[in-house]
Amino acid sequence: MSVRIRLTRIGKKKEPHYRVVVADQRSPRDGKFIEIIGKYKPLEEPSVIDIDEERVLEWLRKGAQPSESVTNLLRKAGVWEKFQSERTGTAPSPSPTSGTAPTTTPETSDTAEEPETTDS
């Protein structure tokens, strides 16, 4: 049995909400699933991504394959980087959304500044 982490659609017509579920690969999109591990609401501003990080990591360790859309959600939530660093044995790198932007700007790059002179 091949297990996938994927989205299943819930919600009204024209108002989609999704559950992140663990399911057998052969089951239909909105069919039977093993476990609900999160939710995704794309229409809210900003989009709501609520994922149980521990359960996702546990399923990934067991060999569950995430779908392409779930992989993107896991990257946005920061879970995918933790899993990748766990697999390679390295420390997780800071995500670009964590607020740690590089401090160098084009104006302050390796050019020498000339001192200002005053004509007094």
PDB file of N, CA and C in Angstrom:
ATOM      1  N   MET A   1       0.852  -1.179   0.000  1.00  0.00           N
ATOM      2  CA  MET A   1       0.000   0.000   0.000  1.00  0.00           C
ATOM      3  C   MET A   1       0.896   1.240   0.000  1.00  0.00           C
ATOM      4  N   SER A   2       0.709   2.098  -0.979  1.00  0.00           N
ATOM      5  CA  SER A   2       1.456   3.341  -1.086  1.00  0.00           C
ATOM      6  C   SER A   2       0.659   4.461  -0.432  1.00  0.00           C
ATOM      7  N   VAL A   3       1.294   5.159   0.486  1.00  0.00           N
ATOM      8  CA  VAL A   3       0.611   6.202   1.252  1.00  0.00           C
ATOM      9  C   VAL A   3       1.051   7.566   0.752  1.00  0.00           C
ATOM     10  N   ARG A   4       0.081   8.451   0.576  1.00  0.00           N
ATOM     11  CA  ARG A   4       0.359   9.814   0.114  1.00  0.00           C
ATOM     12  C   ARG A   4      -0.214  10.823   1.094  1.00  0.00           C
ATOM     13  N   ILE A   5       0.439  11.957   1.184  1.00  0.00           N
ATOM     14  CA  ILE A   5      -0.100  13.102   1.917  1.00  0.00           C
ATOM     15  C   ILE A   5      -0.636  14.030   0.842  1.00  0.00           C
ATOM     16  N   ARG A   6      -1.937  14.320   0.884  1.00  0.00           N
ATOM     17  CA  ARG A   6      -2.543  15.105  -0.184  1.00  0.00           C
ATOM     18  C   ARG A   6      -3.710  15.925   0.346  1.00  0.00           C
ATOM     19  N   LEU A   7      -4.289  16.721  -0.538  1.00  0.00           N
ATOM     20  CA  LEU A   7      -5.418  17.566  -0.184  1.00  0.00           C
ATOM     21  C   LEU A   7      -6.725  16.884  -0.540  1.00  0.00           C
ATOM     22  N   THR A   8      -7.731  17.079   0.298  1.00  0.00           N
ATOM     23  CA  THR A   8      -9.084  16.663  -0.027  1.00  0.00           C
ATOM     24  C   THR A   8      -9.965  17.900   0.112  1.00  0.00           C
ATOM     25  N   ARG A   9     -10.891  18.075  -0.805  1.00  0.00           N
ATOM     26  CA  ARG A   9     -11.672  19.308  -0.864  1.00  0.00           C
ATOM     27  C   ARG A   9     -12.917  19.204  -0.001  1.00  0.00           C
ATOM     28  N   ILE A  10     -13.164  20.282   0.758  1.00  0.00           N
ATOM     29  CA  ILE A  10     -14.402  20.433   1.515  1.00  0.00           C
ATOM     30  C   ILE A  10     -14.881  21.850   1.271  1.00  0.00           C
ATOM     31  N   GLY A  11     -16.030  22.200   1.772  1.00  0.00           N
ATOM     32  CA  GLY A  11     -16.531  23.556   1.593  1.00  0.00           C
ATOM     33  C   GLY A  11     -17.592  23.630   0.520  1.00  0.00           C
ATOM     34  N   LYS A  12     -18.197  24.820   0.433  1.00  0.00           N
ATOM     35  CA  LYS A  12     -19.276  25.020  -0.524  1.00  0.00           C
ATOM     36  C   LYS A  12     -18.743  25.253  -1.936  1.00  0.00           C
ATOM     37  N   LYS A  13     -19.676  25.280  -2.862  1.00  0.00           N
ATOM     38  CA  LYS A  13     -19.337  25.585  -4.244  1.00  0.00           C
ATOM     39  C   LYS A  13     -18.746  26.993  -4.316  1.00  0.00           C
ATOM     40  N   LYS A  14     -17.669  27.156  -5.031  1.00  0.00           N
ATOM     41  CA  LYS A  14     -16.947  28.425  -5.213  1.00  0.00           C
ATOM     42  C   LYS A  14     -16.275  28.923  -3.925  1.00  0.00           C
ATOM     43  N   GLU A  15     -16.303  28.146  -2.846  1.00  0.00           N
ATOM     44  CA  GLU A  15     -15.635  28.507  -1.599  1.00  0.00           C
ATOM     45  C   GLU A  15     -14.843  27.300  -1.086  1.00  0.00           C
ATOM     46  N   PRO A  16     -13.734  26.978  -1.720  1.00  0.00           N
ATOM     47  CA  PRO A  16     -13.020  25.762  -1.347  1.00  0.00           C
ATOM     48  C   PRO A  16     -12.241  25.904  -0.038  1.00  0.00           C
ATOM     49  N   HIS A  17     -12.247  24.848   0.712  1.00  0.00           N
ATOM     50  CA  HIS A  17     -11.380  24.640   1.864  1.00  0.00           C
ATOM     51  C   HIS A  17     -10.818  23.247   1.673  1.00  0.00           C
ATOM     52  N   TYR A  18      -9.628  23.036   2.148  1.00  0.00           N
ATOM     53  CA  TYR A  18      -8.994  21.742   1.944  1.00  0.00           C
ATOM     54  C   TYR A  18      -8.514  21.189   3.270  1.00  0.00           C
ATOM     55  N   ARG A  19      -8.540  19.860   3.382  1.00  0.00           N
ATOM     56  CA  ARG A  19      -7.909  19.163   4.488  1.00  0.00           C
ATOM     57  C   ARG A  19      -6.641  18.527   3.956  1.00  0.00           C
ATOM     58  N   VAL A  20      -5.601  18.548   4.761  1.00  0.00           N
ATOM     59  CA  VAL A  20      -4.386  17.820   4.425  1.00  0.00           C
ATOM     60  C   VAL A  20      -4.542  16.455   5.086  1.00  0.00           C
ATOM     61  N   VAL A  21      -4.600  15.411   4.268  1.00  0.00           N
ATOM     62  CA  VAL A  21      -4.866  14.074   4.791  1.00  0.00           C
ATOM     63  C   VAL A  21      -3.783  13.098   4.353  1.00  0.00           C
ATOM     64  N   VAL A  22      -3.683  12.015   5.106  1.00  0.00           N
ATOM     65  CA  VAL A  22      -2.848  10.880   4.740  1.00  0.00           C
ATOM     66  C   VAL A  22      -3.807   9.829   4.212  1.00  0.00           C
ATOM     67  N   ALA A  23      -3.595   9.364   2.980  1.00  0.00           N
ATOM     68  CA  ALA A  23      -4.524   8.429   2.352  1.00  0.00           C
ATOM     69  C   ALA A  23      -3.771   7.435   1.485  1.00  0.00           C
ATOM     70  N   ASP A  24      -4.433   6.320   1.219  1.00  0.00           N
ATOM     71  CA  ASP A  24      -3.922   5.351   0.259  1.00  0.00           C
ATOM     72  C   ASP A  24      -3.936   6.012  -1.113  1.00  0.00           C
ATOM     73  N   GLN A  25      -2.919   5.785  -1.885  1.00  0.00           N
ATOM     74  CA  GLN A  25      -2.793   6.421  -3.189  1.00  0.00           C
ATOM     75  C   GLN A  25      -3.939   6.042  -4.123  1.00  0.00           C
ATOM     76  N   ARG A  26      -4.513   4.854  -3.946  1.00  0.00           N
ATOM     77  CA  ARG A  26      -5.559   4.370  -4.838  1.00  0.00           C
ATOM     78  C   ARG A  26      -6.943   4.912  -4.501  1.00  0.00           C
ATOM     79  N   SER A  27      -7.119   5.509  -3.321  1.00  0.00           N
ATOM     80  CA  SER A  27      -8.445   6.011  -2.949  1.00  0.00           C
ATOM     81  C   SER A  27      -8.742   7.319  -3.688  1.00  0.00           C
ATOM     82  N   PRO A  28     -10.036   7.619  -3.933  1.00  0.00           N
ATOM     83  CA  PRO A  28     -10.378   8.853  -4.648  1.00  0.00           C
ATOM     84  C   PRO A  28     -10.060  10.104  -3.820  1.00  0.00           C
ATOM     85  N   ARG A  29     -10.051  11.259  -4.486  1.00  0.00           N
ATOM     86  CA  ARG A  29      -9.662  12.512  -3.847  1.00  0.00           C
ATOM     87  C   ARG A  29     -10.450  12.786  -2.572  1.00  0.00           C
ATOM     88  N   ASP A  30     -11.759  12.655  -2.630  1.00  0.00           N
ATOM     89  CA  ASP A  30     -12.594  12.928  -1.456  1.00  0.00           C
ATOM     90  C   ASP A  30     -13.055  11.636  -0.792  1.00  0.00           C
ATOM     91  N   GLY A  31     -12.331  10.549  -0.992  1.00  0.00           N
ATOM     92  CA  GLY A  31     -12.710   9.253  -0.456  1.00  0.00           C
ATOM     93  C   GLY A  31     -12.109   8.996   0.915  1.00  0.00           C
ATOM     94  N   LYS A  32     -11.890   7.711   1.201  1.00  0.00           N
ATOM     95  CA  LYS A  32     -11.378   7.286   2.496  1.00  0.00           C
ATOM     96  C   LYS A  32      -9.964   7.803   2.708  1.00  0.00           C
ATOM     97  N   PHE A  33      -9.666   8.125   3.965  1.00  0.00           N
ATOM     98  CA  PHE A  33      -8.328   8.562   4.322  1.00  0.00           C
ATOM     99  C   PHE A  33      -7.947   7.930   5.649  1.00  0.00           C
ATOM    100  N   ILE A  34      -6.674   7.989   5.975  1.00  0.00           N
ATOM    101  CA  ILE A  34      -6.171   7.385   7.203  1.00  0.00           C
ATOM    102  C   ILE A  34      -6.240   8.382   8.354  1.00  0.00           C
ATOM    103  N   GLU A  35      -5.790   9.623   8.088  1.00  0.00           N
ATOM    104  CA  GLU A  35      -5.713  10.614   9.161  1.00  0.00           C
ATOM    105  C   GLU A  35      -5.748  12.019   8.582  1.00  0.00           C
ATOM    106  N   ILE A  36      -6.392  12.943   9.299  1.00  0.00           N
ATOM    107  CA  ILE A  36      -6.364  14.367   8.956  1.00  0.00           C
ATOM    108  C   ILE A  36      -5.189  14.984   9.713  1.00  0.00           C
ATOM    109  N   ILE A  37      -4.288  15.650   8.994  1.00  0.00           N
ATOM    110  CA  ILE A  37      -3.116  16.230   9.651  1.00  0.00           C
ATOM    111  C   ILE A  37      -3.017  17.739   9.462  1.00  0.00           C
ATOM    112  N   GLY A  38      -4.028  18.355   8.837  1.00  0.00           N
ATOM    113  CA  GLY A  38      -3.983  19.798   8.683  1.00  0.00           C
ATOM    114  C   GLY A  38      -5.137  20.319   7.868  1.00  0.00           C
ATOM    115  N   LYS A  39      -5.132  21.648   7.680  1.00  0.00           N
ATOM    116  CA  LYS A  39      -6.147  22.279   6.841  1.00  0.00           C
ATOM    117  C   LYS A  39      -5.518  23.442   6.091  1.00  0.00           C
ATOM    118  N   TYR A  40      -6.161  23.807   4.994  1.00  0.00           N
ATOM    119  CA  TYR A  40      -5.681  24.885   4.130  1.00  0.00           C
ATOM    120  C   TYR A  40      -6.888  25.642   3.613  1.00  0.00           C
ATOM    121  N   LYS A  41      -6.899  26.966   3.868  1.00  0.00           N
ATOM    122  CA  LYS A  41      -7.993  27.820   3.418  1.00  0.00           C
ATOM    123  C   LYS A  41      -7.416  28.903   2.507  1.00  0.00           C
ATOM    124  N   PRO A  42      -7.473  28.682   1.181  1.00  0.00           N
ATOM    125  CA  PRO A  42      -6.814  29.588   0.249  1.00  0.00           C
ATOM    126  C   PRO A  42      -7.525  30.921   0.049  1.00  0.00           C
ATOM    127  N   LEU A  43      -8.809  31.020   0.333  1.00  0.00           N
ATOM    128  CA  LEU A  43      -9.540  32.248   0.054  1.00  0.00           C
ATOM    129  C   LEU A  43      -9.423  33.297   1.147  1.00  0.00           C
ATOM    130  N   GLU A  44      -8.986  32.906   2.335  1.00  0.00           N
ATOM    131  CA  GLU A  44      -8.804  33.888   3.393  1.00  0.00           C
ATOM    132  C   GLU A  44      -7.564  34.708   3.087  1.00  0.00           C
ATOM    133  N   GLU A  45      -7.533  35.923   3.602  1.00  0.00           N
ATOM    134  CA  GLU A  45      -6.423  36.823   3.315  1.00  0.00           C
ATOM    135  C   GLU A  45      -5.682  37.138   4.593  1.00  0.00           C
ATOM    136  N   PRO A  46      -4.503  36.688   4.870  1.00  0.00           N
ATOM    137  CA  PRO A  46      -3.683  35.776   4.079  1.00  0.00           C
ATOM    138  C   PRO A  46      -4.191  34.343   4.205  1.00  0.00           C
ATOM    139  N   SER A  47      -3.760  33.491   3.320  1.00  0.00           N
ATOM    140  CA  SER A  47      -4.187  32.088   3.313  1.00  0.00           C
ATOM    141  C   SER A  47      -3.834  31.416   4.636  1.00  0.00           C
ATOM    142  N   VAL A  48      -4.741  30.581   5.125  1.00  0.00           N
ATOM    143  CA  VAL A  48      -4.528  29.867   6.375  1.00  0.00           C
ATOM    144  C   VAL A  48      -3.934  28.495   6.061  1.00  0.00           C
ATOM    145  N   ILE A  49      -2.776  28.229   6.624  1.00  0.00           N
ATOM    146  CA  ILE A  49      -2.142  26.912   6.505  1.00  0.00           C
ATOM    147  C   ILE A  49      -1.913  26.424   7.927  1.00  0.00           C
ATOM    148  N   ASP A  50      -2.714  25.456   8.357  1.00  0.00           N
ATOM    149  CA  ASP A  50      -2.623  24.915   9.709  1.00  0.00           C
ATOM    150  C   ASP A  50      -2.271  23.438   9.591  1.00  0.00           C
ATOM    151  N   ILE A  51      -1.019  23.101   9.904  1.00  0.00           N
ATOM    152  CA  ILE A  51      -0.532  21.734   9.724  1.00  0.00           C
ATOM    153  C   ILE A  51       0.067  21.251  11.037  1.00  0.00           C
ATOM    154  N   ASP A  52      -0.276  20.026  11.439  1.00  0.00           N
ATOM    155  CA  ASP A  52       0.293  19.391  12.624  1.00  0.00           C
ATOM    156  C   ASP A  52       1.691  18.895  12.262  1.00  0.00           C
ATOM    157  N   GLU A  53       2.671  19.667  12.631  1.00  0.00           N
ATOM    158  CA  GLU A  53       4.049  19.434  12.214  1.00  0.00           C
ATOM    159  C   GLU A  53       4.569  18.064  12.653  1.00  0.00           C
ATOM    160  N   GLU A  54       4.299  17.675  13.895  1.00  0.00           N
ATOM    161  CA  GLU A  54       4.801  16.402  14.396  1.00  0.00           C
ATOM    162  C   GLU A  54       4.228  15.216  13.621  1.00  0.00           C
ATOM    163  N   ARG A  55       2.935  15.263  13.328  1.00  0.00           N
ATOM    164  CA  ARG A  55       2.307  14.166  12.594  1.00  0.00           C
ATOM    165  C   ARG A  55       2.835  14.093  11.161  1.00  0.00           C
ATOM    166  N   VAL A  56       3.036  15.254  10.526  1.00  0.00           N
ATOM    167  CA  VAL A  56       3.571  15.276   9.161  1.00  0.00           C
ATOM    168  C   VAL A  56       4.963  14.665   9.140  1.00  0.00           C
ATOM    169  N   LEU A  57       5.817  15.091  10.074  1.00  0.00           N
ATOM    170  CA  LEU A  57       7.173  14.554  10.116  1.00  0.00           C
ATOM    171  C   LEU A  57       7.165  13.051  10.370  1.00  0.00           C
ATOM    172  N   GLU A  58       6.263  12.594  11.232  1.00  0.00           N
ATOM    173  CA  GLU A  58       6.174  11.162  11.502  1.00  0.00           C
ATOM    174  C   GLU A  58       5.790  10.383  10.241  1.00  0.00           C
ATOM    175  N   TRP A  59       4.811  10.886   9.492  1.00  0.00           N
ATOM    176  CA  TRP A  59       4.394  10.199   8.265  1.00  0.00           C
ATOM    177  C   TRP A  59       5.486  10.254   7.200  1.00  0.00           C
ATOM    178  N   LEU A  60       6.189  11.380   7.105  1.00  0.00           N
ATOM    179  CA  LEU A  60       7.277  11.469   6.126  1.00  0.00           C
ATOM    180  C   LEU A  60       8.400  10.495   6.469  1.00  0.00           C
ATOM    181  N   ARG A  61       8.687  10.353   7.776  1.00  0.00           N
ATOM    182  CA  ARG A  61       9.710   9.390   8.193  1.00  0.00           C
ATOM    183  C   ARG A  61       9.311   7.968   7.839  1.00  0.00           C
ATOM    184  N   LYS A  62       8.015   7.687   7.882  1.00  0.00           N
ATOM    185  CA  LYS A  62       7.523   6.348   7.550  1.00  0.00           C
ATOM    186  C   LYS A  62       7.511   6.089   6.047  1.00  0.00           C
ATOM    187  N   GLY A  63       7.710   7.126   5.247  1.00  0.00           N
ATOM    188  CA  GLY A  63       7.791   6.936   3.804  1.00  0.00           C
ATOM    189  C   GLY A  63       6.611   7.463   3.016  1.00  0.00           C
ATOM    190  N   ALA A  64       5.701   8.195   3.644  1.00  0.00           N
ATOM    191  CA  ALA A  64       4.571   8.770   2.912  1.00  0.00           C
ATOM    192  C   ALA A  64       5.089   9.816   1.935  1.00  0.00           C
ATOM    193  N   GLN A  65       4.531   9.832   0.739  1.00  0.00           N
ATOM    194  CA  GLN A  65       4.956  10.765  -0.309  1.00  0.00           C
ATOM    195  C   GLN A  65       3.969  11.919  -0.390  1.00  0.00           C
ATOM    196  N   PRO A  66       4.409  13.170  -0.210  1.00  0.00           N
ATOM    197  CA  PRO A  66       3.489  14.307  -0.345  1.00  0.00           C
ATOM    198  C   PRO A  66       3.222  14.612  -1.816  1.00  0.00           C
ATOM    199  N   SER A  67       2.013  15.085  -2.109  1.00  0.00           N
ATOM    200  CA  SER A  67       1.704  15.543  -3.460  1.00  0.00           C
ATOM    201  C   SER A  67       2.447  16.848  -3.708  1.00  0.00           C
ATOM    202  N   GLU A  68       2.439  17.296  -4.935  1.00  0.00           N
ATOM    203  CA  GLU A  68       3.151  18.526  -5.284  1.00  0.00           C
ATOM    204  C   GLU A  68       2.580  19.732  -4.541  1.00  0.00           C
ATOM    205  N   SER A  69       1.256  19.816  -4.468  1.00  0.00           N
ATOM    206  CA  SER A  69       0.629  20.950  -3.780  1.00  0.00           C
ATOM    207  C   SER A  69       0.895  20.906  -2.276  1.00  0.00           C
ATOM    208  N   VAL A  70       0.908  19.723  -1.685  1.00  0.00           N
ATOM    209  CA  VAL A  70       1.206  19.609  -0.253  1.00  0.00           C
ATOM    210  C   VAL A  70       2.665  19.938   0.007  1.00  0.00           C
ATOM    211  N   THR A  71       3.554  19.556  -0.895  1.00  0.00           N
ATOM    212  CA  THR A  71       4.966  19.909  -0.740  1.00  0.00           C
ATOM    213  C   THR A  71       5.136  21.422  -0.698  1.00  0.00           C
ATOM    214  N   ASN A  72       4.413  22.143  -1.558  1.00  0.00           N
ATOM    215  CA  ASN A  72       4.473  23.609  -1.544  1.00  0.00           C
ATOM    216  C   ASN A  72       3.953  24.169  -0.226  1.00  0.00           C
ATOM    217  N   LEU A  73       2.869  23.599   0.292  1.00  0.00           N
ATOM    218  CA  LEU A  73       2.336  24.050   1.583  1.00  0.00           C
ATOM    219  C   LEU A  73       3.323  23.768   2.713  1.00  0.00           C
ATOM    220  N   LEU A  74       3.965  22.611   2.675  1.00  0.00           N
ATOM    221  CA  LEU A  74       4.944  22.269   3.704  1.00  0.00           C
ATOM    222  C   LEU A  74       6.146  23.206   3.653  1.00  0.00           C
ATOM    223  N   ARG A  75       6.537  23.610   2.459  1.00  0.00           N
ATOM    224  CA  ARG A  75       7.632  24.586   2.340  1.00  0.00           C
ATOM    225  C   ARG A  75       7.243  25.922   2.963  1.00  0.00           C
ATOM    226  N   LYS A  76       6.017  26.376   2.691  1.00  0.00           N
ATOM    227  CA  LYS A  76       5.561  27.642   3.253  1.00  0.00           C
ATOM    228  C   LYS A  76       5.453  27.581   4.765  1.00  0.00           C
ATOM    229  N   ALA A  77       5.079  26.427   5.299  1.00  0.00           N
ATOM    230  CA  ALA A  77       4.941  26.263   6.744  1.00  0.00           C
ATOM    231  C   ALA A  77       6.285  25.998   7.423  1.00  0.00           C
ATOM    232  N   GLY A  78       7.335  25.688   6.643  1.00  0.00           N
ATOM    233  CA  GLY A  78       8.656  25.443   7.197  1.00  0.00           C
ATOM    234  C   GLY A  78       8.902  24.017   7.626  1.00  0.00           C
ATOM    235  N   VAL A  79       7.966  23.127   7.389  1.00  0.00           N
ATOM    236  CA  VAL A  79       8.098  21.730   7.799  1.00  0.00           C
ATOM    237  C   VAL A  79       9.009  20.973   6.853  1.00  0.00           C
ATOM    238  N   TRP A  80       8.946  21.282   5.580  1.00  0.00           N
ATOM    239  CA  TRP A  80       9.740  20.546   4.581  1.00  0.00           C
ATOM    240  C   TRP A  80      11.232  20.717   4.833  1.00  0.00           C
ATOM    241  N   GLU A  81      11.672  21.916   5.201  1.00  0.00           N
ATOM    242  CA  GLU A  81      13.085  22.165   5.474  1.00  0.00           C
ATOM    243  C   GLU A  81      13.543  21.359   6.683  1.00  0.00           C
ATOM    244  N   LYS A  82      12.678  21.251   7.717  1.00  0.00           N
ATOM    245  CA  LYS A  82      13.037  20.445   8.891  1.00  0.00           C
ATOM    246  C   LYS A  82      13.214  18.987   8.498  1.00  0.00           C
ATOM    247  N   PHE A  83      12.329  18.494   7.650  1.00  0.00           N
ATOM    248  CA  PHE A  83      12.420  17.103   7.212  1.00  0.00           C
ATOM    249  C   PHE A  83      13.684  16.883   6.389  1.00  0.00           C
ATOM    250  N   GLN A  84      13.977  17.794   5.466  1.00  0.00           N
ATOM    251  CA  GLN A  84      15.170  17.656   4.622  1.00  0.00           C
ATOM    252  C   GLN A  84      16.441  17.715   5.463  1.00  0.00           C
ATOM    253  N   SER A  85      16.499  18.623   6.428  1.00  0.00           N
ATOM    254  CA  SER A  85      17.693  18.727   7.264  1.00  0.00           C
ATOM    255  C   SER A  85      17.833  17.501   8.161  1.00  0.00           C
ATOM    256  N   GLU A  86      16.713  16.939   8.575  1.00  0.00           N
ATOM    257  CA  GLU A  86      16.739  15.713   9.365  1.00  0.00           C
ATOM    258  C   GLU A  86      17.296  14.553   8.545  1.00  0.00           C
ATOM    259  N   ARG A  87      16.914  14.490   7.272  1.00  0.00           N
ATOM    260  CA  ARG A  87      17.396  13.423   6.388  1.00  0.00           C
ATOM    261  C   ARG A  87      18.880  13.555   6.105  1.00  0.00           C
ATOM    262  N   THR A  88      19.359  14.784   5.925  1.00  0.00           N
ATOM    263  CA  THR A  88      20.766  14.980   5.587  1.00  0.00           C
ATOM    264  C   THR A  88      21.645  15.129   6.823  1.00  0.00           C
ATOM    265  N   GLY A  89      21.056  15.360   7.984  1.00  0.00           N
ATOM    266  CA  GLY A  89      21.822  15.491   9.212  1.00  0.00           C
ATOM    267  C   GLY A  89      22.439  16.857   9.403  1.00  0.00           C
ATOM    268  N   THR A  90      21.917  17.871   8.731  1.00  0.00           N
ATOM    269  CA  THR A  90      22.433  19.226   8.884  1.00  0.00           C
ATOM    270  C   THR A  90      21.433  20.078   9.639  1.00  0.00           C
ATOM    271  N   ALA A  91      21.902  21.210  10.124  1.00  0.00           N
ATOM    272  CA  ALA A  91      21.018  22.140  10.823  1.00  0.00           C
ATOM    273  C   ALA A  91      20.127  22.837   9.812  1.00  0.00           C
ATOM    274  N   PRO A  92      18.851  23.098  10.161  1.00  0.00           N
ATOM    275  CA  PRO A  92      17.969  23.784   9.214  1.00  0.00           C
ATOM    276  C   PRO A  92      18.425  25.218   8.987  1.00  0.00           C
ATOM    277  N   SER A  93      18.393  25.645   7.738  1.00  0.00           N
ATOM    278  CA  SER A  93      18.765  27.016   7.417  1.00  0.00           C
ATOM    279  C   SER A  93      17.579  27.924   7.679  1.00  0.00           C
ATOM    280  N   PRO A  94      17.827  29.187   8.018  1.00  0.00           N
ATOM    281  CA  PRO A  94      16.701  30.096   8.266  1.00  0.00           C
ATOM    282  C   PRO A  94      15.911  30.317   6.990  1.00  0.00           C
ATOM    283  N   SER A  95      14.596  30.310   7.134  1.00  0.00           N
ATOM    284  CA  SER A  95      13.741  30.498   5.967  1.00  0.00           C
ATOM    285  C   SER A  95      13.730  31.961   5.562  1.00  0.00           C
ATOM    286  N   PRO A  96      13.474  32.264   4.284  1.00  0.00           N
ATOM    287  CA  PRO A  96      13.471  33.659   3.841  1.00  0.00           C
ATOM    288  C   PRO A  96      12.332  34.463   4.450  1.00  0.00           C
ATOM    289  N   THR A  97      11.313  33.822   4.984  1.00  0.00           N
ATOM    290  CA  THR A  97      10.203  34.550   5.582  1.00  0.00           C
ATOM    291  C   THR A  97      10.394  34.780   7.072  1.00  0.00           C
ATOM    292  N   SER A  98      11.543  34.369   7.633  1.00  0.00           N
ATOM    293  CA  SER A  98      11.740  34.512   9.065  1.00  0.00           C
ATOM    294  C   SER A  98      12.199  35.911   9.465  1.00  0.00           C
ATOM    295  N   GLY A  99      12.403  36.801   8.519  1.00  0.00           N
ATOM    296  CA  GLY A  99      12.770  38.167   8.837  1.00  0.00           C
ATOM    297  C   GLY A  99      14.273  38.384   8.904  1.00  0.00           C
ATOM    298  N   THR A 100      15.067  37.409   8.548  1.00  0.00           N
ATOM    299  CA  THR A 100      16.511  37.566   8.566  1.00  0.00           C
ATOM    300  C   THR A 100      16.991  37.823   7.148  1.00  0.00           C
ATOM    301  N   ALA A 101      16.839  39.049   6.700  1.00  0.00           N
ATOM    302  CA  ALA A 101      17.251  39.428   5.356  1.00  0.00           C
ATOM    303  C   ALA A 101      18.706  39.866   5.391  1.00  0.00           C
ATOM    304  N   PRO A 102      19.410  39.713   4.300  1.00  0.00           N
ATOM    305  CA  PRO A 102      20.797  40.188   4.270  1.00  0.00           C
ATOM    306  C   PRO A 102      20.865  41.690   4.486  1.00  0.00           C
ATOM    307  N   THR A 103      21.930  42.115   5.173  1.00  0.00           N
ATOM    308  CA  THR A 103      22.023  43.521   5.529  1.00  0.00           C
ATOM    309  C   THR A 103      22.741  44.358   4.490  1.00  0.00           C
ATOM    310  N   THR A 104      23.375  43.729   3.503  1.00  0.00           N
ATOM    311  CA  THR A 104      24.078  44.513   2.496  1.00  0.00           C
ATOM    312  C   THR A 104      23.106  44.995   1.435  1.00  0.00           C
ATOM    313  N   THR A 105      23.274  46.218   1.051  1.00  0.00           N
ATOM    314  CA  THR A 105      22.461  46.811   0.002  1.00  0.00           C
ATOM    315  C   THR A 105      23.393  47.288  -1.088  1.00  0.00           C
ATOM    316  N   PRO A 106      22.884  47.541  -2.285  1.00  0.00           N
ATOM    317  CA  PRO A 106      23.762  47.999  -3.365  1.00  0.00           C
ATOM    318  C   PRO A 106      24.505  49.290  -3.031  1.00  0.00           C
ATOM    319  N   GLU A 107      23.911  50.160  -2.214  1.00  0.00           N
ATOM    320  CA  GLU A 107      24.560  51.421  -1.878  1.00  0.00           C
ATOM    321  C   GLU A 107      25.759  51.212  -0.952  1.00  0.00           C
ATOM    322  N   THR A 108      25.721  50.177  -0.116  1.00  0.00           N
ATOM    323  CA  THR A 108      26.786  49.971   0.855  1.00  0.00           C
ATOM    324  C   THR A 108      27.688  48.805   0.490  1.00  0.00           C
ATOM    325  N   SER A 109      27.689  48.392  -0.761  1.00  0.00           N
ATOM    326  CA  SER A 109      28.548  47.279  -1.156  1.00  0.00           C
ATOM    327  C   SER A 109      30.004  47.715  -1.136  1.00  0.00           C
ATOM    328  N   ASP A 110      30.910  46.963  -1.672  1.00  0.00           N
ATOM    329  CA  ASP A 110      32.351  47.133  -1.517  1.00  0.00           C
ATOM    330  C   ASP A 110      32.929  48.394  -2.159  1.00  0.00           C
ATOM    331  N   THR A 111      32.208  49.455  -2.296  1.00  0.00           N
ATOM    332  CA  THR A 111      32.750  50.693  -2.860  1.00  0.00           C
ATOM    333  C   THR A 111      33.199  51.601  -1.725  1.00  0.00           C
ATOM    334  N   ALA A 112      34.287  52.291  -1.940  1.00  0.00           N
ATOM    335  CA  ALA A 112      34.808  53.200  -0.919  1.00  0.00           C
ATOM    336  C   ALA A 112      34.050  54.519  -0.992  1.00  0.00           C
ATOM    337  N   GLU A 113      33.656  55.004   0.169  1.00  0.00           N
ATOM    338  CA  GLU A 113      32.935  56.277   0.216  1.00  0.00           C
ATOM    339  C   GLU A 113      33.929  57.418   0.356  1.00  0.00           C
ATOM    340  N   GLU A 114      33.673  58.502  -0.349  1.00  0.00           N
ATOM    341  CA  GLU A 114      34.530  59.671  -0.239  1.00  0.00           C
ATOM    342  C   GLU A 114      34.011  60.546   0.894  1.00  0.00           C
ATOM    343  N   PRO A 115      34.923  61.093   1.704  1.00  0.00           N
ATOM    344  CA  PRO A 115      34.469  61.952   2.793  1.00  0.00           C
ATOM    345  C   PRO A 115      33.889  63.245   2.241  1.00  0.00           C
ATOM    346  N   GLU A 116      32.873  63.730   2.916  1.00  0.00           N
ATOM    347  CA  GLU A 116      32.238  64.987   2.484  1.00  0.00           C
ATOM    348  C   GLU A 116      33.103  66.157   2.925  1.00  0.00           C
ATOM    349  N   THR A 117      33.244  67.137   2.038  1.00  0.00           N
ATOM    350  CA  THR A 117      34.022  68.335   2.373  1.00  0.00           C
ATOM    351  C   THR A 117      33.061  69.500   2.486  1.00  0.00           C
ATOM    352  N   THR A 118      33.351  70.360   3.416  1.00  0.00           N
ATOM    353  CA  THR A 118      32.532  71.555   3.568  1.00  0.00           C
ATOM    354  C   THR A 118      33.338  72.774   3.161  1.00  0.00           C
ATOM    355  N   ASP A 119      32.729  73.700   2.462  1.00  0.00           N
ATOM    356  CA  ASP A 119      33.378  74.922   2.008  1.00  0.00           C
ATOM    357  C   ASP A 119      33.041  76.043   2.970  1.00  0.00           C
ATOM    358  N   SER A 120      33.822  76.174   4.061  1.00  0.00           N
ATOM    359  CA  SER A 120      33.570  77.249   4.991  1.00  0.00           C
ATOM    360  C   SER A 120      34.704  78.218   5.045  1.00  0.00           C
TER     361      SER A 120
END
